[in-house]
Protein backbone atom coordinates (compact mmCIF):
# COMPACT_ATOMS: atom_id res chain seq x y z
CA MET A 1 0.00 0.00 0.00
CA SER A 2 1.35 3.46 -0.89
CA LYS A 3 0.20 6.95 0.05
CA SER A 4 1.57 10.40 0.68
CA SER A 5 1.67 12.13 4.04
CA ALA A 6 -1.65 13.82 3.25
CA SER A 7 -4.78 12.51 5.01
CA PRO A 8 -6.09 9.50 3.11
CA SER A 9 -9.63 9.45 1.75
CA PRO A 10 -11.96 6.66 2.88
CA GLY A 11 -11.94 5.29 -0.67
CA ILE A 12 -9.36 3.06 -2.32
CA CYS A 13 -8.26 2.46 -5.90
CA TYR A 14 -7.10 -0.98 -7.02
CA LEU A 15 -4.86 -0.93 -10.10
CA VAL A 16 -5.62 -4.42 -11.39
CA GLY A 17 -4.01 -6.40 -14.16
CA ALA A 18 -6.95 -7.97 -16.00
CA GLY A 19 -4.77 -10.52 -17.78
CA PRO A 20 -4.33 -11.08 -21.53
CA GLY A 21 -7.93 -11.96 -22.44
CA ASP A 22 -8.83 -15.50 -21.40
CA PRO A 23 -11.22 -14.92 -18.45
CA GLY A 24 -9.61 -17.86 -16.64
CA LEU A 25 -6.31 -15.99 -16.46
CA LEU A 26 -7.66 -13.28 -14.14
CA THR A 27 -6.03 -13.68 -10.72
CA ILE A 28 -8.09 -14.50 -7.63
CA LYS A 29 -7.03 -11.15 -6.13
CA GLY A 30 -8.16 -9.37 -9.29
CA LYS A 31 -11.57 -11.06 -9.14
CA GLU A 32 -11.95 -10.01 -5.49
CA CYS A 33 -11.22 -6.40 -6.45
CA ILE A 34 -13.87 -6.47 -9.19
CA GLU A 35 -16.39 -7.93 -6.74
CA ALA A 36 -15.64 -5.18 -4.20
CA ALA A 37 -15.81 -2.27 -6.65
CA ASP A 38 -18.29 0.59 -6.51
CA VAL A 39 -16.87 1.78 -9.85
CA LEU A 40 -15.07 -0.18 -12.57
CA VAL A 41 -12.80 1.84 -14.85
CA TYR A 42 -11.67 -0.46 -17.65
CA ASP A 43 -9.54 -0.48 -20.79
CA TYR A 44 -9.89 -1.57 -24.41
CA LEU A 45 -7.90 -4.77 -23.85
CA CYS A 46 -9.95 -5.92 -20.84
CA ASN A 47 -12.25 -8.81 -21.65
CA PRO A 48 -15.78 -7.43 -20.99
CA GLU A 49 -16.78 -10.79 -19.52
CA LEU A 50 -14.68 -9.98 -16.45
CA LEU A 51 -17.23 -7.28 -15.60
CA ARG A 52 -19.69 -10.09 -14.82
CA HIS A 53 -17.95 -10.52 -11.45
CA ALA A 54 -19.13 -7.05 -10.36
CA LYS A 55 -21.86 -6.74 -7.76
CA PRO A 56 -25.27 -5.36 -8.83
CA GLY A 57 -25.28 -1.59 -9.14
CA THR A 58 -21.56 -1.22 -9.83
CA GLU A 59 -20.88 1.75 -12.10
CA ARG A 60 -18.90 0.93 -15.24
CA MET A 61 -16.70 3.43 -17.04
CA TYR A 62 -14.99 2.55 -20.32
CA VAL A 63 -11.80 4.55 -20.87
CA GLY A 64 -10.31 2.41 -23.63
CA LYS A 65 -7.45 3.58 -25.78
CA LYS A 66 -6.35 2.02 -29.03
CA ALA A 67 -4.16 3.40 -31.79
CA LYS A 68 -5.32 6.93 -32.68
CA GLU A 69 -8.64 6.41 -30.82
CA HIS A 70 -8.80 7.57 -27.21
CA THR A 71 -11.99 7.94 -25.18
CA LEU A 72 -9.97 9.84 -22.55
CA THR A 73 -6.37 11.01 -22.44
CA GLN A 74 -4.08 9.52 -19.82
CA ASP A 75 -4.18 12.76 -17.82
CA GLN A 76 -7.99 12.62 -17.83
CA ILE A 77 -7.93 9.00 -16.67
CA ASN A 78 -5.54 9.92 -13.85
CA ALA A 79 -7.82 12.75 -12.76
CA LEU A 80 -10.90 10.52 -12.96
CA ILE A 81 -9.60 7.75 -10.70
CA VAL A 82 -8.29 10.31 -8.17
CA LYS A 83 -11.67 12.06 -8.13
CA LEU A 84 -13.65 8.83 -7.69
CA THR A 85 -11.37 7.60 -4.92
CA ARG A 86 -11.57 10.94 -3.11
CA GLU A 87 -15.34 10.56 -3.15
CA GLY A 88 -14.88 7.56 -0.88
CA LYS A 89 -15.57 4.92 -3.51
CA VAL A 90 -13.91 1.58 -4.05
CA VAL A 91 -12.47 2.03 -7.55
CA THR A 92 -11.15 -0.92 -9.52
CA ARG A 93 -9.05 0.20 -12.44
CA LEU A 94 -8.84 -2.74 -14.85
CA LYS A 95 -5.88 -2.72 -17.23
CA GLY A 96 -5.15 -5.36 -19.85
CA GLY A 97 -2.30 -7.73 -19.01
CA ASP A 98 -0.18 -6.42 -16.15
CA PRO A 99 -0.83 -2.86 -14.96
CA VAL A 100 2.80 -1.75 -14.86
CA LEU A 101 4.38 -3.61 -17.79
CA PHE A 102 4.01 -0.94 -20.48
CA GLY A 103 0.54 -0.34 -19.04
CA ARG A 104 1.13 3.12 -17.53
CA GLY A 105 -0.06 1.81 -14.20
CA ALA A 106 2.99 3.30 -12.51
CA GLU A 107 1.92 6.78 -13.70
CA GLU A 108 -1.57 6.23 -12.33
CA ALA A 109 -0.14 4.99 -9.02
CA ALA A 110 2.04 8.11 -8.79
CA GLU A 111 -0.99 10.37 -9.30
CA LEU A 112 -2.92 8.52 -6.61
CA ALA A 113 0.03 8.74 -4.22
CA GLU A 114 0.45 12.45 -4.85
CA ALA A 115 -3.27 12.98 -4.22
CA GLY A 116 -2.95 11.20 -0.89
CA VAL A 117 -5.51 8.50 -1.62
CA ALA A 118 -5.19 4.82 -0.81
CA PHE A 119 -4.33 2.41 -3.60
CA GLU A 120 -2.98 -1.06 -4.30
CA ILE A 121 -1.25 -2.52 -7.35
CA VAL A 122 -2.53 -5.98 -8.26
CA PRO A 123 -0.23 -7.67 -10.81
CA GLY A 124 -1.72 -9.53 -13.76
CA ILE A 125 -0.58 -12.10 -16.30
CA THR A 126 1.07 -10.26 -19.18
CA SER A 127 0.47 -11.10 -22.83
CA ALA A 128 4.26 -10.99 -23.26
CA ILE A 129 4.36 -14.41 -21.58
CA ALA A 130 0.82 -15.76 -22.05
CA GLY A 131 0.49 -14.84 -25.74
CA PRO A 132 3.44 -16.89 -26.93
CA ALA A 133 2.51 -19.73 -24.53
CA TYR A 134 -0.99 -19.95 -26.06
CA ALA A 135 0.64 -20.08 -29.49
CA GLY A 136 2.81 -23.00 -28.43
CA ILE A 137 5.94 -20.84 -28.00
CA PRO A 138 7.77 -20.86 -24.64
CA VAL A 139 9.68 -17.61 -24.19
CA THR A 140 12.55 -19.50 -22.56
CA HIS A 141 13.76 -23.03 -23.21
CA ARG A 142 16.91 -24.78 -22.06
CA ASP A 143 17.63 -25.98 -25.61
CA HIS A 144 17.40 -22.46 -27.05
CA CYS A 145 17.91 -19.71 -24.52
CA SER A 146 17.96 -18.67 -20.88
CA GLN A 147 17.46 -14.94 -21.39
CA LEU A 148 14.35 -12.90 -22.17
CA THR A 149 14.21 -9.28 -23.29
CA ILE A 150 10.85 -7.45 -23.32
CA PHE A 151 10.44 -4.02 -24.88
CA THR A 152 7.68 -1.81 -26.23
CA GLY A 153 7.14 -1.13 -29.89
CA HIS A 154 5.07 1.95 -29.05
CA GLU A 155 7.03 4.60 -27.20
CA ASP A 156 5.86 8.00 -25.96
CA PRO A 157 5.03 9.86 -29.20
CA THR A 158 6.17 13.18 -27.66
CA LYS A 159 9.77 11.96 -27.43
CA GLU A 160 12.03 13.45 -30.10
CA GLU A 161 13.97 10.21 -30.59
CA THR A 162 13.72 6.59 -29.53
CA SER A 163 15.22 5.51 -26.23
CA LEU A 164 15.59 1.96 -27.54
CA ASP A 165 19.16 0.91 -28.29
CA TYR A 166 18.62 -1.35 -31.28
CA ALA A 167 22.34 -2.15 -31.44
CA LYS A 168 22.14 -3.72 -27.96
CA LEU A 169 18.76 -5.32 -28.63
CA ALA A 170 19.97 -6.90 -31.87
CA LYS A 171 23.03 -8.38 -30.15
CA ALA A 172 21.24 -9.52 -26.98
CA ASP A 173 21.11 -13.26 -26.44
CA GLY A 174 17.91 -15.20 -26.10
CA THR A 175 14.30 -14.35 -26.87
CA LYS A 176 13.03 -10.86 -27.64
CA VAL A 177 9.37 -10.03 -27.07
CA PHE A 178 7.83 -6.71 -27.94
CA LEU A 179 4.32 -5.33 -27.48
CA MET A 180 2.31 -2.75 -29.42
CA GLY A 181 4.57 -2.79 -32.47
CA VAL A 182 2.42 -4.05 -35.35
CA GLU A 183 2.04 -0.62 -36.96
CA ARG A 184 5.83 -0.11 -36.84
CA MET A 185 6.79 -3.64 -37.88
CA GLU A 186 8.85 -2.63 -40.92
CA GLU A 187 10.76 -0.02 -38.91
CA ILE A 188 11.43 -2.30 -35.92
CA THR A 189 12.53 -5.37 -37.87
CA GLY A 190 14.58 -3.14 -40.17
CA LYS A 191 16.43 -1.63 -37.19
CA PHE A 192 17.23 -5.11 -35.88
CA ILE A 193 18.68 -6.23 -39.20
CA GLU A 194 20.59 -2.96 -39.68
CA ASN A 195 22.25 -3.57 -36.34
CA GLY A 196 23.43 -7.07 -37.13
CA ALA A 197 20.50 -9.37 -36.32
CA ASP A 198 20.18 -12.41 -38.60
CA PRO A 199 17.23 -11.89 -41.01
CA GLU A 200 16.58 -15.66 -40.82
CA THR A 201 15.82 -15.51 -37.08
CA PRO A 202 12.41 -17.16 -36.52
CA MET A 203 9.62 -14.73 -35.57
CA ALA A 204 5.95 -14.97 -34.63
CA LEU A 205 3.09 -12.53 -34.11
CA VAL A 206 0.16 -13.54 -31.89
CA ARG A 207 -2.98 -11.44 -32.28
CA TRP A 208 -5.76 -11.37 -29.66
CA ALA A 209 -3.62 -13.73 -27.63
CA THR A 210 -5.45 -16.23 -25.35
CA HIS A 211 -8.84 -15.29 -26.85
CA GLY A 212 -10.84 -17.75 -28.95
CA ARG A 213 -10.14 -15.43 -31.91
CA GLN A 214 -6.36 -15.78 -31.51
CA GLN A 215 -4.35 -15.65 -34.75
CA THR A 216 -0.68 -16.53 -35.15
CA LEU A 217 1.55 -15.41 -38.00
CA ILE A 218 4.90 -17.18 -38.47
CA GLY A 219 7.86 -15.82 -40.40
CA THR A 220 11.36 -14.53 -39.90
CA LEU A 221 12.83 -11.21 -38.89
CA GLY A 222 13.41 -10.50 -42.58
CA THR A 223 9.97 -11.53 -43.88
CA MET A 224 7.58 -10.51 -41.10
CA ALA A 225 6.93 -6.91 -42.22
CA ALA A 226 5.85 -8.10 -45.67
CA LYS A 227 3.71 -10.89 -44.17
CA VAL A 228 1.92 -8.38 -41.92
CA LYS A 229 0.98 -6.26 -44.95
CA GLU A 230 -0.04 -9.27 -47.03
CA ALA A 231 -2.23 -10.74 -44.26
CA GLY A 232 -3.64 -7.38 -43.16
CA PHE A 233 -2.52 -8.32 -39.65
CA LYS A 234 -3.67 -5.74 -37.10
CA ALA A 235 -3.12 -4.88 -33.45
CA PRO A 236 -3.36 -5.95 -30.67
CA ALA A 237 -0.53 -8.43 -31.05
CA VAL A 238 2.59 -9.60 -29.27
CA ALA A 239 5.78 -10.31 -31.25
CA VAL A 240 8.32 -13.03 -30.43
CA VAL A 241 11.79 -13.18 -31.97
CA GLY A 242 14.09 -16.15 -31.43
CA ASN A 243 14.63 -19.88 -31.92
CA VAL A 244 11.90 -20.66 -29.37
CA VAL A 245 9.41 -20.00 -32.17
CA ASN A 246 10.44 -23.38 -33.63
CA GLU A 247 8.89 -25.13 -30.62
CA ARG A 248 5.42 -24.21 -31.90
CA LYS A 249 5.31 -27.23 -34.19
CA ASN A 250 5.62 -29.48 -31.13
CA ILE A 251 3.46 -27.77 -28.49
CA ASN A 252 0.82 -25.76 -30.32
CA TRP A 253 -1.93 -26.84 -27.92
CA PHE A 254 -4.42 -23.95 -27.93
CA GLU A 255 -5.07 -23.68 -31.65
CA ASN A 256 -5.48 -27.44 -32.13
CA ARG A 257 -8.67 -27.81 -30.08
CA PRO A 258 -11.83 -29.01 -31.88
CA LEU A 259 -13.77 -25.73 -31.90
CA PHE A 260 -10.82 -23.37 -32.39
CA GLY A 261 -11.63 -20.63 -34.88
CA LYS A 262 -15.39 -21.05 -34.45
CA ARG A 263 -17.17 -17.94 -33.16
CA ILE A 264 -20.24 -18.95 -31.14
CA VAL A 265 -22.90 -16.67 -29.63
CA VAL A 266 -24.37 -17.65 -26.25
CA THR A 267 -27.74 -16.12 -25.33
CA ARG A 268 -28.49 -17.44 -21.81
CA THR A 269 -29.10 -15.17 -18.82
CA ARG A 270 -26.16 -13.17 -17.50
CA GLN A 271 -26.07 -15.43 -14.41
CA GLN A 272 -26.16 -18.68 -16.41
CA VAL A 273 -24.13 -17.78 -19.48
CA GLY A 274 -20.82 -18.77 -17.89
CA ALA A 275 -21.52 -22.52 -17.66
CA LEU A 276 -22.11 -22.93 -21.40
CA SER A 277 -19.38 -20.45 -22.34
CA LYS A 278 -16.79 -22.26 -20.24
CA LYS A 279 -17.51 -25.62 -21.86
CA LEU A 280 -17.31 -24.12 -25.36
CA ARG A 281 -14.09 -22.26 -24.56
CA LEU A 282 -12.46 -25.44 -23.26
CA LEU A 283 -13.02 -26.82 -26.76
CA GLY A 284 -11.39 -23.72 -28.27
CA ALA A 285 -14.41 -21.66 -29.37
CA ASP A 286 -14.39 -17.88 -29.52
CA VAL A 287 -17.47 -17.17 -27.41
CA ILE A 288 -19.53 -13.99 -27.64
CA GLU A 289 -21.75 -13.70 -24.58
CA LEU A 290 -24.97 -11.94 -25.53
CA PRO A 291 -27.49 -12.47 -22.72
CA THR A 292 -30.97 -11.86 -24.11
CA ILE A 293 -33.09 -12.71 -21.06
CA ARG A 294 -33.06 -12.08 -17.33
CA ILE A 295 -34.92 -13.69 -14.45
CA GLU A 296 -37.12 -11.53 -12.22
CA GLU A 297 -39.45 -12.18 -9.30
CA PRO A 298 -43.08 -13.11 -10.05
CA HIS A 299 -45.75 -10.43 -10.02
CA ASN A 300 -47.44 -12.05 -7.02
CA LEU A 301 -44.55 -12.80 -4.69
CA VAL A 302 -46.84 -13.14 -1.66
CA LEU A 303 -48.86 -15.94 -3.26
CA PHE A 304 -45.65 -17.71 -4.26
CA GLY A 305 -44.41 -17.45 -0.68
CA GLU A 306 -47.63 -18.92 0.69
CA LEU A 307 -47.36 -21.94 -1.62
CA VAL A 308 -43.70 -22.47 -0.68
CA GLN A 309 -44.68 -22.27 2.99
CA ASP A 310 -47.20 -25.10 2.49
CA CYS A 311 -44.89 -27.27 0.35
CA HIS A 312 -44.68 -30.00 3.03
CA GLN A 313 -48.42 -30.64 2.60
CA TYR A 314 -48.00 -31.95 -0.95
CA GLU A 315 -47.14 -35.45 -2.13
CA TRP A 316 -45.06 -34.24 -5.09
CA LEU A 317 -42.96 -31.14 -5.68
CA ILE A 318 -42.28 -30.70 -9.40
CA PHE A 319 -39.53 -28.53 -10.88
CA THR A 320 -39.27 -27.99 -14.64
CA SER A 321 -36.24 -25.67 -14.74
CA PRO A 322 -33.11 -24.82 -12.74
CA ASN A 323 -34.46 -21.28 -12.31
CA ALA A 324 -37.53 -22.68 -10.57
CA VAL A 325 -35.33 -24.53 -8.08
CA ASP A 326 -33.29 -21.40 -7.34
CA ALA A 327 -36.39 -19.27 -6.82
CA PHE A 328 -38.12 -21.88 -4.67
CA PHE A 329 -35.24 -22.38 -2.23
CA LYS A 330 -34.50 -18.67 -2.05
CA MET A 331 -38.03 -18.21 -0.76
CA PHE A 332 -37.97 -21.44 1.30
CA TYR A 333 -35.00 -20.30 3.38
CA LYS A 334 -36.60 -16.93 3.99
CA ILE A 335 -39.49 -18.80 5.62
CA TYR A 336 -37.74 -21.78 7.21
CA LYS A 337 -34.37 -22.21 8.88
CA ASP A 338 -34.23 -26.00 8.61
CA ALA A 339 -34.19 -28.03 5.38
CA ARG A 340 -36.23 -30.73 7.15
CA SER A 341 -39.18 -28.34 7.06
CA ILE A 342 -39.75 -29.53 3.50
CA GLY A 343 -41.26 -32.65 5.06
CA GLY A 344 -41.80 -35.93 3.24
CA VAL A 345 -42.72 -34.46 -0.13
CA ARG A 346 -41.22 -36.31 -3.08
CA ILE A 347 -39.35 -34.35 -5.75
CA ALA A 348 -39.67 -34.77 -9.52
CA VAL A 349 -37.59 -32.87 -12.07
CA VAL A 350 -37.65 -32.50 -15.82
CA GLY A 351 -33.96 -33.22 -16.49
CA PRO A 352 -30.34 -33.46 -15.26
CA GLY A 353 -29.71 -29.71 -15.05
CA THR A 354 -32.70 -29.23 -12.78
CA ALA A 355 -31.75 -32.33 -10.76
CA GLU A 356 -28.28 -30.91 -10.19
CA LYS A 357 -29.80 -27.73 -8.74
CA VAL A 358 -31.94 -29.77 -6.33
CA ARG A 359 -28.91 -31.77 -5.20
CA GLU A 360 -27.07 -28.52 -4.48
CA GLN A 361 -29.64 -28.17 -1.68
CA HIS A 362 -28.52 -31.57 -0.31
CA LEU A 363 -31.84 -33.11 -1.32
CA ASP A 364 -32.30 -36.17 -3.48
CA VAL A 365 -34.47 -36.42 -6.59
CA ASP A 366 -37.15 -39.13 -6.53
CA LEU A 367 -38.11 -39.07 -10.20
CA MET A 368 -36.67 -37.86 -13.51
CA PRO A 369 -37.38 -39.01 -17.08
CA GLU A 370 -34.77 -41.42 -18.41
CA LYS A 371 -34.42 -39.74 -21.81
CA ASN A 372 -37.16 -37.31 -22.80
CA PHE A 373 -36.20 -34.24 -20.74
CA VAL A 374 -39.30 -32.19 -21.48
CA ALA A 375 -42.66 -31.74 -19.72
CA GLU A 376 -44.25 -34.60 -21.69
CA GLY A 377 -41.45 -36.92 -20.60
CA LEU A 378 -41.94 -36.00 -16.95
CA VAL A 379 -45.71 -36.60 -17.14
CA ALA A 380 -45.09 -40.03 -18.69
CA ALA A 381 -42.60 -40.88 -15.93
CA LEU A 382 -45.08 -39.88 -13.20
CA LYS A 383 -47.86 -41.86 -14.86
CA GLU A 384 -45.66 -44.96 -14.97
CA TYR A 385 -44.48 -44.40 -11.38
CA GLN A 386 -47.95 -44.37 -9.78
CA ASN A 387 -51.64 -43.79 -10.20
CA MET A 388 -52.01 -39.99 -10.05
CA GLU A 389 -55.69 -39.99 -9.05
CA ASN A 390 -56.23 -37.45 -6.18
CA VAL A 391 -52.46 -36.94 -5.75
CA ASN A 392 -51.57 -33.44 -4.48
CA VAL A 393 -48.90 -31.81 -6.65
CA LEU A 394 -47.13 -28.45 -6.33
CA TRP A 395 -45.64 -27.43 -9.67
CA VAL A 396 -42.97 -24.72 -9.35
CA ARG A 397 -42.56 -22.97 -12.69
CA GLY A 398 -41.88 -19.82 -14.65
CA GLU A 399 -44.65 -17.48 -15.72
CA GLU A 400 -44.28 -18.28 -19.43
CA THR A 401 -43.91 -22.06 -19.07
CA ARG A 402 -46.18 -24.25 -21.20
CA GLU A 403 -49.19 -25.65 -19.31
CA VAL A 404 -48.41 -29.28 -20.20
CA ILE A 405 -47.73 -30.41 -16.61
CA ALA A 406 -50.96 -28.96 -15.19
CA ASN A 407 -53.17 -30.01 -18.08
CA GLU A 408 -51.86 -33.57 -18.37
CA LEU A 409 -51.71 -34.31 -14.64
CA THR A 410 -55.16 -32.83 -14.06
CA GLY A 411 -56.39 -35.11 -16.82
CA LEU A 412 -54.95 -38.03 -14.88
CA GLY A 413 -56.94 -36.97 -11.81
CA ALA A 414 -54.16 -35.21 -9.89
CA ILE A 415 -54.79 -32.03 -7.87
CA VAL A 416 -52.26 -29.52 -9.19
CA ASP A 417 -51.35 -26.16 -7.67
CA GLU A 418 -49.07 -23.89 -9.70
CA ALA A 419 -46.44 -21.80 -7.92
CA ILE A 420 -45.27 -19.04 -10.28
CA ALA A 421 -41.67 -18.68 -9.11
CA TYR A 422 -40.18 -16.24 -11.64
CA ARG A 423 -40.64 -14.29 -14.83
CA THR A 424 -38.41 -14.29 -17.90
CA VAL A 425 -37.99 -10.78 -19.31
CA PRO A 426 -35.71 -9.24 -21.96
CA GLU A 427 -32.21 -8.37 -20.74
CA LYS A 428 -31.97 -4.59 -20.32
CA ASP A 429 -28.27 -4.22 -19.51
CA ASP A 430 -25.92 -2.81 -22.11
CA ASN A 431 -25.03 -5.48 -24.68
CA LEU A 432 -23.69 -3.04 -27.25
CA GLU A 433 -20.17 -4.46 -27.23
CA ALA A 434 -21.38 -8.02 -27.86
CA ILE A 435 -23.89 -6.88 -30.49
CA SER A 436 -21.13 -4.89 -32.22
CA ARG A 437 -18.95 -7.99 -32.40
CA VAL A 438 -21.77 -10.07 -33.90
CA VAL A 439 -22.59 -7.40 -36.50
CA ASN A 440 -19.01 -6.44 -37.41
CA GLU A 441 -17.15 -9.73 -37.04
CA GLY A 442 -19.94 -12.18 -37.77
CA ALA A 443 -20.39 -15.55 -36.08
CA ASP A 444 -20.39 -19.21 -37.07
CA MET A 445 -23.14 -20.32 -34.70
CA ILE A 446 -25.72 -19.06 -32.22
CA THR A 447 -27.00 -21.18 -29.34
CA PHE A 448 -30.47 -21.11 -27.82
CA THR A 449 -31.32 -22.84 -24.53
CA SER A 450 -35.00 -21.92 -24.26
CA ALA A 451 -37.86 -20.53 -26.30
CA SER A 452 -37.50 -17.21 -24.47
CA THR A 453 -33.86 -16.81 -25.54
CA VAL A 454 -35.04 -17.23 -29.15
CA ASP A 455 -37.83 -14.67 -28.89
CA CYS A 456 -35.78 -12.07 -27.01
CA PHE A 457 -32.85 -12.41 -29.41
CA MET A 458 -35.07 -12.02 -32.46
CA ASN A 459 -36.70 -8.97 -30.87
CA LEU A 460 -33.29 -7.25 -30.84
CA ASN A 461 -33.59 -7.07 -34.66
CA ILE A 462 -29.89 -7.78 -35.17
CA ALA A 463 -28.92 -8.51 -38.75
CA MET A 464 -28.05 -12.22 -38.65
CA PRO A 465 -24.58 -12.99 -40.05
CA ALA A 466 -24.62 -14.84 -43.35
CA ASP A 467 -24.60 -18.64 -43.07
CA ILE A 468 -24.78 -18.59 -39.26
CA LYS A 469 -25.77 -21.97 -37.83
CA VAL A 470 -28.45 -22.35 -35.16
CA ALA A 471 -27.98 -24.78 -32.26
CA SER A 472 -30.97 -25.64 -30.04
CA ILE A 473 -31.06 -27.44 -26.70
CA GLY A 474 -34.25 -29.34 -27.51
CA PRO A 475 -37.53 -29.65 -29.41
CA ILE A 476 -39.46 -26.88 -27.63
CA THR A 477 -36.63 -24.40 -28.30
CA SER A 478 -36.34 -25.62 -31.90
CA GLU A 479 -40.07 -25.09 -32.44
CA ALA A 480 -39.77 -21.51 -31.16
CA ALA A 481 -36.82 -20.89 -33.51
CA ARG A 482 -38.69 -22.18 -36.55
CA LYS A 483 -41.70 -20.03 -35.69
CA ARG A 484 -39.36 -17.02 -35.89
CA GLY A 485 -38.12 -18.08 -39.31
CA LEU A 486 -34.84 -19.68 -38.26
CA LYS A 487 -33.42 -22.89 -39.69
CA VAL A 488 -32.30 -25.19 -36.86
CA ASP A 489 -29.03 -26.91 -37.81
CA ILE A 490 -28.37 -28.70 -34.50
CA GLU A 491 -30.69 -30.06 -31.85
CA ALA A 492 -29.17 -31.73 -28.80
CA GLU A 493 -30.14 -35.37 -28.35
CA ALA A 494 -29.86 -34.97 -24.58
CA ASN A 495 -31.69 -31.73 -23.77
CA THR A 496 -29.01 -30.45 -21.40
CA ILE A 497 -26.06 -28.05 -21.57
CA PRO A 498 -23.54 -30.93 -21.86
CA GLY A 499 -25.80 -32.48 -24.51
CA LEU A 500 -25.83 -29.22 -26.47
CA VAL A 501 -22.04 -28.87 -26.25
CA SER A 502 -21.60 -32.46 -27.40
CA ALA A 503 -23.90 -31.86 -30.39
CA ILE A 504 -21.96 -28.71 -31.35
CA GLU A 505 -18.62 -30.51 -31.15
CA LYS A 506 -19.96 -33.40 -33.22
CA TYR A 507 -21.36 -30.99 -35.83
CA TRP A 508 -18.05 -29.21 -36.43
CA LYS A 509 -16.12 -32.45 -36.64
């Protein structure tokens, strides 16, 4: 912790390295700082998905800077974080990679210290190391080198001449890594060669390192500038110069995964999107998270509470979605302090995802369809399990859920009460960044996990990318997609998130 002799404000500013892009490379300390923040001030190179860790109501301020495009100058950013911290707020300043490795975090720390406000520097994983590693290039290797030199390809533009000694850099042993140098590639590689570097030295550029959209360009010190022009290779990218580049052919792990290079849109709720995204990313996909729906409390919360309170009086408790389970037990533990208050009621669920949610409450599931994980399958399973005549059932459901359970069970003679646990409404939070990516970069596939995700996505009126494939979790979702004029290319055999991921992987094989 650093501060001047002036009286500190009650606020604090965390200067956090957000890592190179892969959300999994954020440090635990960095995540804790995001969770604690009243205000998030974040950069262009910060993965927007990291903002999902913020608590509700956290203010978000984008101050991104990329070549020739600045939302705020560095002086304005310095003044902003000082002002916010002086107001007594917890400010988390997210900077791509590491905050002080060519990230100007040291300048921001100096401004905070001079202002007499509390701050901490939270290191992050730099793209100088992670970028090459994700391209299968170790920056050091006992067969090639034991020295690493890191420099910036983008110096202070106000300086009259470079402070880089290319003569020393060209003669230095080992690996050289430089950041922010794509636009000056011809100049930088030319300086190396002029000062005695071998033009045949292997070289690599890694763009959007550690993201699903990562691209790697291989060449030599002498050919790279021409390759950059030919490929139209743009920033942000990290450059690696040295014999370690040759290791890529042996350990190129990241770009060899089954979904690498496939851009997939995920439309689940902001709270649920991570589970599907994580599974797709593990297979190498470039995931665009575009939540289209959100879950809100039912209109009549009192009535829902009364039904939850009486749940022990029923013979069966039926859940047809994970959201229903979450809403039910949130209310249950407001009313009761002991899980045993649920009594001897038996629990039936529509499928594995819902069953998993029940088990998180340390309760077992008495009945689930073997294969057909839809309402019709659950009704058939109940019918086979017992005679439903005069059986008391409490069905916990969403407001928009199809009436199959109530209609079919009532037809079998059961007495069914419906507990409306939640509503599905369109997501109102800012999705402009995700929408921009879909419109400007296109996508290979879009996933839908419910009929409501279909309807709310279509209501956004986004121009669908050409030839985009549609993946559906099951028949009800597929029917909703077709009603909106979409062609369904994939439908999961097992109507679960793992089933959907498996179907997507199989499709692209």
